[in-house]
Amino acid sequence: MTKPLLLIDVDGPLNPYAAKPERRPAGYGTHRMHPTGWTGAKPLRVWLNPDHGDELLALAEAYELVWATTWKGEANAWIGPRLGLPELPFVDWPQMHGKAPRGTFWKTQYILEYAAGRPFAWVDDDITPFDHEYVEQNHLAAALLLRIDERIGLIRADFDALAEWAAAL
């Protein structure tokens, strides 16, 4: 049997960018990055928790890990190495995002295209109730959509939920 996909957003789930700027969350290290999509004069401040790499590698026993981030393939250069992750495939979003169906997040339609009927779990900070409804109506395979608080990032309960969901398939 083919493993389900684990579609991973960076900003929010791995980088709790909305945490108080003067207080780095516990367990996170500060990294300064300048990916090609970043237009700021100063490097982008990214907070990453190295324990998340171990957690994701443990989930790779049950999932095929995929970047589902606007970082696209650059997540393999900037994020993955700092978490101890191997190079991962990524969703290659179109340059100009189409109109999102009925209030869904713009990524949702492309997530379904990428999944191509396979079961998947998706962690992102922009998932809404409209996305849950859209996926339920347009994706016949099992799907788990986990909205992650962008002020906190992935937590133990999220990793547990992902492991339990994959085990139940």
Protein backbone atom coordinates (compact mmCIF):
# COMPACT_ATOMS: atom_id res chain seq x y z
CA MET A 1 0.00 0.00 0.00
CA THR A 2 1.20 3.51 -0.84
CA LYS A 3 1.84 5.74 2.14
CA PRO A 4 -0.39 8.77 2.62
CA LEU A 5 1.14 12.16 1.99
CA LEU A 6 2.09 14.51 4.81
CA LEU A 7 1.92 18.00 3.29
CA ILE A 8 3.97 20.42 5.40
CA ASP A 9 3.75 24.20 5.40
CA VAL A 10 6.76 26.08 6.80
CA ASP A 11 5.52 29.46 8.03
CA GLY A 12 3.16 28.80 10.90
CA PRO A 13 3.66 25.08 11.57
CA LEU A 14 7.48 25.00 11.61
CA ASN A 15 8.21 28.72 11.94
CA PRO A 16 5.78 30.30 14.44
CA TYR A 17 6.21 33.69 12.79
CA ALA A 18 3.31 35.30 14.67
CA ALA A 19 4.75 34.68 18.14
CA LYS A 20 5.70 37.82 20.06
CA PRO A 21 8.68 39.21 18.14
CA GLU A 22 10.66 39.98 21.27
CA ARG A 23 10.19 36.49 22.74
CA ARG A 24 11.38 33.43 20.82
CA PRO A 25 9.26 30.35 21.70
CA ALA A 26 10.92 27.76 23.97
CA GLY A 27 12.91 25.14 22.07
CA TYR A 28 13.29 27.27 18.95
CA GLY A 29 16.49 28.69 17.50
CA THR A 30 16.74 31.87 15.45
CA HIS A 31 17.95 31.62 11.86
CA ARG A 32 18.50 34.46 9.39
CA MET A 33 17.64 33.53 5.82
CA HIS A 34 17.39 35.21 2.47
CA PRO A 35 15.46 32.88 0.13
CA THR A 36 14.80 34.17 -3.38
CA GLY A 37 11.16 34.96 -2.60
CA TRP A 38 12.13 37.24 0.28
CA THR A 39 12.21 40.88 -0.81
CA GLY A 40 13.16 42.48 2.51
CA ALA A 41 16.44 44.35 2.80
CA LYS A 42 17.34 42.46 5.97
CA PRO A 43 17.38 38.66 6.08
CA LEU A 44 14.16 36.97 7.14
CA ARG A 45 14.03 35.89 10.79
CA VAL A 46 12.92 32.26 11.01
CA TRP A 47 12.40 30.33 14.25
CA LEU A 48 12.87 26.56 13.98
CA ASN A 49 12.70 23.83 16.60
CA PRO A 50 15.28 21.09 15.87
CA ASP A 51 13.04 18.54 17.62
CA HIS A 52 10.53 18.94 14.79
CA GLY A 53 13.00 17.27 12.43
CA ASP A 54 13.09 14.14 14.60
CA GLU A 55 9.29 14.18 14.88
CA LEU A 56 8.88 14.46 11.11
CA LEU A 57 11.44 11.73 10.46
CA ALA A 58 9.50 9.45 12.82
CA LEU A 59 6.32 10.22 10.86
CA ALA A 60 8.14 9.35 7.62
CA GLU A 61 7.70 5.71 8.62
CA ALA A 62 3.98 6.15 7.95
CA TYR A 63 3.93 9.08 5.49
CA GLU A 64 5.59 10.40 2.38
CA LEU A 65 6.75 13.85 3.51
CA VAL A 66 6.15 16.73 1.06
CA TRP A 67 6.76 20.47 1.37
CA ALA A 68 3.48 22.38 0.84
CA THR A 69 4.87 25.86 1.33
CA THR A 70 5.48 29.01 -0.65
CA TRP A 71 9.16 28.26 0.00
CA LYS A 72 8.69 25.48 -2.60
CA GLY A 73 11.99 23.69 -3.30
CA GLU A 74 13.94 26.29 -1.34
CA ALA A 75 12.64 24.61 1.81
CA ASN A 76 15.16 21.88 0.97
CA ALA A 77 18.01 24.40 1.10
CA TRP A 78 16.93 26.65 3.98
CA ILE A 79 14.63 24.64 6.28
CA GLY A 80 15.28 20.92 5.84
CA PRO A 81 19.02 20.97 6.66
CA ARG A 82 18.42 22.90 9.88
CA LEU A 83 15.90 20.24 10.95
CA GLY A 84 17.96 17.27 9.79
CA LEU A 85 15.51 16.37 7.01
CA PRO A 86 16.48 14.84 3.68
CA GLU A 87 15.51 16.55 0.45
CA LEU A 88 11.74 16.31 0.07
CA PRO A 89 9.44 16.68 -2.92
CA PHE A 90 7.40 19.88 -2.94
CA VAL A 91 4.15 21.21 -4.31
CA ASP A 92 5.13 23.51 -7.18
CA TRP A 93 2.45 26.20 -6.91
CA PRO A 94 1.70 28.24 -10.00
CA GLN A 95 3.30 31.71 -10.06
CA MET A 96 -0.08 33.40 -10.22
CA HIS A 97 -2.50 31.70 -7.89
CA GLY A 98 -5.94 31.18 -9.36
CA LYS A 99 -9.11 32.32 -7.65
CA ALA A 100 -9.78 30.08 -4.68
CA PRO A 101 -13.08 28.19 -4.84
CA ARG A 102 -15.83 29.49 -2.50
CA GLY A 103 -13.74 31.10 0.22
CA THR A 104 -11.13 28.37 0.50
CA PHE A 105 -7.47 29.08 1.08
CA TRP A 106 -5.69 29.50 -2.28
CA LYS A 107 -3.51 26.41 -1.67
CA THR A 108 -6.41 23.99 -1.21
CA GLN A 109 -7.25 23.36 -4.86
CA TYR A 110 -3.56 22.71 -5.62
CA ILE A 111 -3.22 20.39 -2.62
CA LEU A 112 -5.99 18.23 -4.09
CA GLU A 113 -4.33 18.27 -7.51
CA TYR A 114 -1.02 17.20 -5.97
CA ALA A 115 -2.63 14.47 -3.87
CA ALA A 116 -4.29 13.09 -7.01
CA GLY A 117 -6.68 10.88 -5.06
CA ARG A 118 -4.19 9.70 -2.45
CA PRO A 119 -4.88 9.96 1.27
CA PHE A 120 -3.14 12.95 2.83
CA ALA A 121 -2.65 14.93 6.00
CA TRP A 122 -1.97 18.65 5.66
CA VAL A 123 -0.56 21.00 8.31
CA ASP A 124 -0.98 24.72 7.64
CA ASP A 125 -1.89 27.87 9.54
CA ASP A 126 -4.40 29.06 6.91
CA ILE A 127 -6.83 26.11 6.83
CA THR A 128 -10.46 27.19 7.29
CA PRO A 129 -13.83 25.42 7.66
CA PHE A 130 -14.36 26.11 3.93
CA ASP A 131 -11.24 24.06 3.19
CA HIS A 132 -12.54 21.12 5.21
CA GLU A 133 -15.84 21.26 3.31
CA TYR A 134 -14.13 21.61 -0.07
CA VAL A 135 -11.82 18.65 0.57
CA GLU A 136 -14.69 16.51 1.85
CA GLN A 137 -16.70 17.23 -1.31
CA ASN A 138 -13.85 16.95 -3.83
CA HIS A 139 -11.43 14.33 -2.52
CA LEU A 140 -12.61 10.74 -2.24
CA ALA A 141 -9.64 9.46 -0.23
CA ALA A 142 -9.09 10.06 3.47
CA ALA A 143 -7.78 13.49 4.42
CA LEU A 144 -6.75 15.14 7.66
CA LEU A 145 -6.47 18.94 7.69
CA LEU A 146 -4.74 20.31 10.79
CA ARG A 147 -4.83 24.05 11.28
CA ILE A 148 -1.73 25.04 13.24
CA ASP A 149 -1.62 28.18 15.38
CA GLU A 150 0.99 30.45 13.78
CA ARG A 151 1.89 31.86 17.19
CA ILE A 152 2.82 28.41 18.57
CA GLY A 153 3.76 26.09 15.70
CA LEU A 154 3.49 22.32 15.77
CA ILE A 155 3.08 20.83 19.24
CA ARG A 156 3.15 17.34 20.71
CA ALA A 157 -0.63 16.89 20.27
CA ASP A 158 -0.30 17.62 16.53
CA PHE A 159 2.41 14.99 16.03
CA ASP A 160 0.33 12.50 18.04
CA ALA A 161 -2.78 13.25 15.95
CA LEU A 162 -0.80 12.73 12.75
CA ALA A 163 0.62 9.41 13.94
CA GLU A 164 -2.77 8.18 15.15
CA TRP A 165 -4.51 9.17 11.90
CA ALA A 166 -1.96 7.34 9.75
CA ALA A 167 -2.14 4.25 11.98
CA ALA A 168 -5.93 4.18 11.63
CA LEU A 169 -5.84 4.11 7.80
